[in-house]
Amino acid sequence: MYFATLIIALVYIFAFSDSNYRRHRKLDTKIEEYETEISKQQKNLEEQRTFENIQNNPQLMERYRREVLNMKKNDEDLFIIE
């Protein structure tokens, strides 16, 4: 009798109650999606702050141009080593 009651209770909890297993899985999936989106937004914000810092500082702007864009001054030779 106790075993049957336990089985019925578990079936009810996992299948029919408001806090069933499928709903928890859906909510867990949404939480993972939101955490991924938050990390993307944080990375985006960090890149934006870095870009603003580069724009406001002429020395950083020159360094960025030289290292990332491979730009040079007119009287210089540029060698790219990969």
C-alpha atoms as a PDB file:
ATOM      1  CA  MET A   1       0.000   0.000   0.000  1.00  0.00           C
ATOM      2  CA  TYR A   2       2.798   2.417   0.887  1.00  0.00           C
ATOM      3  CA  PHE A   3       4.637   1.566  -2.310  1.00  0.00           C
ATOM      4  CA  ALA A   4       1.569   2.277  -4.457  1.00  0.00           C
ATOM      5  CA  THR A   5       1.012   5.594  -2.677  1.00  0.00           C
ATOM      6  CA  LEU A   6       4.648   6.521  -3.227  1.00  0.00           C
ATOM      7  CA  ILE A   7       4.422   5.663  -6.931  1.00  0.00           C
ATOM      8  CA  ILE A   8       1.220   7.688  -7.346  1.00  0.00           C
ATOM      9  CA  ALA A   9       2.770  10.649  -5.518  1.00  0.00           C
ATOM     10  CA  LEU A  10       5.903  10.552  -7.682  1.00  0.00           C
ATOM     11  CA  VAL A  11       3.876  10.331 -10.888  1.00  0.00           C
ATOM     12  CA  TYR A  12       1.809  13.298  -9.775  1.00  0.00           C
ATOM     13  CA  ILE A  13       4.883  15.326  -8.842  1.00  0.00           C
ATOM     14  CA  PHE A  14       6.779  14.599 -12.062  1.00  0.00           C
ATOM     15  CA  ALA A  15       3.883  14.777 -14.513  1.00  0.00           C
ATOM     16  CA  PHE A  16       0.950  16.802 -13.279  1.00  0.00           C
ATOM     17  CA  SER A  17       1.966  19.294 -10.608  1.00  0.00           C
ATOM     18  CA  ASP A  18       2.917  22.916 -11.309  1.00  0.00           C
ATOM     19  CA  SER A  19       6.540  22.149 -10.518  1.00  0.00           C
ATOM     20  CA  ASN A  20       6.924  19.178 -12.826  1.00  0.00           C
ATOM     21  CA  TYR A  21      10.154  17.947 -14.380  1.00  0.00           C
ATOM     22  CA  ARG A  22       9.520  19.302 -17.907  1.00  0.00           C
ATOM     23  CA  ARG A  23       8.853  22.775 -16.597  1.00  0.00           C
ATOM     24  CA  HIS A  24      12.065  22.726 -14.574  1.00  0.00           C
ATOM     25  CA  ARG A  25      14.032  21.644 -17.659  1.00  0.00           C
ATOM     26  CA  LYS A  26      12.491  24.479 -19.715  1.00  0.00           C
ATOM     27  CA  LEU A  27      13.322  26.978 -17.006  1.00  0.00           C
ATOM     28  CA  ASP A  28      16.880  25.649 -16.727  1.00  0.00           C
ATOM     29  CA  THR A  29      17.276  26.039 -20.487  1.00  0.00           C
ATOM     30  CA  LYS A  30      16.018  29.624 -20.326  1.00  0.00           C
ATOM     31  CA  ILE A  31      18.407  30.387 -17.473  1.00  0.00           C
ATOM     32  CA  GLU A  32      21.331  29.068 -19.533  1.00  0.00           C
ATOM     33  CA  GLU A  33      20.240  31.184 -22.525  1.00  0.00           C
ATOM     34  CA  TYR A  34      19.974  34.288 -20.357  1.00  0.00           C
ATOM     35  CA  GLU A  35      23.386  33.670 -18.791  1.00  0.00           C
ATOM     36  CA  THR A  36      24.895  33.317 -22.258  1.00  0.00           C
ATOM     37  CA  GLU A  37      23.246  36.556 -23.342  1.00  0.00           C
ATOM     38  CA  ILE A  38      24.502  38.331 -20.213  1.00  0.00           C
ATOM     39  CA  SER A  39      28.073  37.212 -20.870  1.00  0.00           C
ATOM     40  CA  LYS A  40      27.829  38.399 -24.490  1.00  0.00           C
ATOM     41  CA  GLN A  41      26.507  41.784 -23.371  1.00  0.00           C
ATOM     42  CA  GLN A  42      29.258  42.129 -20.754  1.00  0.00           C
ATOM     43  CA  LYS A  43      31.906  41.347 -23.358  1.00  0.00           C
ATOM     44  CA  ASN A  44      30.313  43.846 -25.735  1.00  0.00           C
ATOM     45  CA  LEU A  45      30.306  46.534 -23.048  1.00  0.00           C
ATOM     46  CA  GLU A  46      33.945  45.855 -22.221  1.00  0.00           C
ATOM     47  CA  GLU A  47      34.910  46.149 -25.892  1.00  0.00           C
ATOM     48  CA  GLN A  48      32.971  49.393 -26.183  1.00  0.00           C
ATOM     49  CA  ARG A  49      34.778  50.849 -23.151  1.00  0.00           C
ATOM     50  CA  THR A  50      38.117  49.776 -24.619  1.00  0.00           C
ATOM     51  CA  PHE A  51      37.232  51.404 -27.934  1.00  0.00           C
ATOM     52  CA  GLU A  52      36.250  54.648 -26.184  1.00  0.00           C
ATOM     53  CA  ASN A  53      39.544  54.631 -24.287  1.00  0.00           C
ATOM     54  CA  ILE A  54      41.463  54.147 -27.527  1.00  0.00           C
ATOM     55  CA  GLN A  55      39.593  57.001 -29.198  1.00  0.00           C
ATOM     56  CA  ASN A  56      40.293  59.387 -26.343  1.00  0.00           C
ATOM     57  CA  ASN A  57      44.005  58.599 -25.998  1.00  0.00           C
ATOM     58  CA  PRO A  58      46.220  59.424 -29.022  1.00  0.00           C
ATOM     59  CA  GLN A  59      49.019  57.113 -27.867  1.00  0.00           C
ATOM     60  CA  LEU A  60      46.661  54.156 -27.594  1.00  0.00           C
ATOM     61  CA  MET A  61      45.181  55.065 -30.984  1.00  0.00           C
ATOM     62  CA  GLU A  62      48.607  54.990 -32.608  1.00  0.00           C
ATOM     63  CA  ARG A  63      49.447  51.678 -30.942  1.00  0.00           C
ATOM     64  CA  TYR A  64      46.128  50.167 -32.097  1.00  0.00           C
ATOM     65  CA  ARG A  65      46.713  51.341 -35.656  1.00  0.00           C
ATOM     66  CA  ARG A  66      50.207  49.900 -35.712  1.00  0.00           C
ATOM     67  CA  GLU A  67      49.472  46.548 -34.054  1.00  0.00           C
ATOM     68  CA  VAL A  68      45.997  45.681 -35.268  1.00  0.00           C
ATOM     69  CA  LEU A  69      45.642  47.516 -38.551  1.00  0.00           C
ATOM     70  CA  ASN A  70      49.326  47.164 -39.572  1.00  0.00           C
ATOM     71  CA  MET A  71      49.582  50.830 -40.458  1.00  0.00           C
ATOM     72  CA  LYS A  72      52.892  52.689 -40.620  1.00  0.00           C
ATOM     73  CA  LYS A  73      54.326  56.147 -40.955  1.00  0.00           C
ATOM     74  CA  ASN A  74      55.510  57.343 -44.371  1.00  0.00           C
ATOM     75  CA  ASP A  75      59.198  57.041 -43.551  1.00  0.00           C
ATOM     76  CA  GLU A  76      59.017  53.555 -42.028  1.00  0.00           C
ATOM     77  CA  ASP A  77      59.286  50.050 -43.350  1.00  0.00           C
ATOM     78  CA  LEU A  78      56.851  47.475 -42.093  1.00  0.00           C
ATOM     79  CA  PHE A  79      57.740  43.813 -41.591  1.00  0.00           C
ATOM     80  CA  ILE A  80      54.977  41.410 -40.585  1.00  0.00           C
ATOM     81  CA  ILE A  81      56.174  38.210 -38.943  1.00  0.00           C
ATOM     82  CA  GLU A  82      53.629  35.476 -38.451  1.00  0.00           C
END
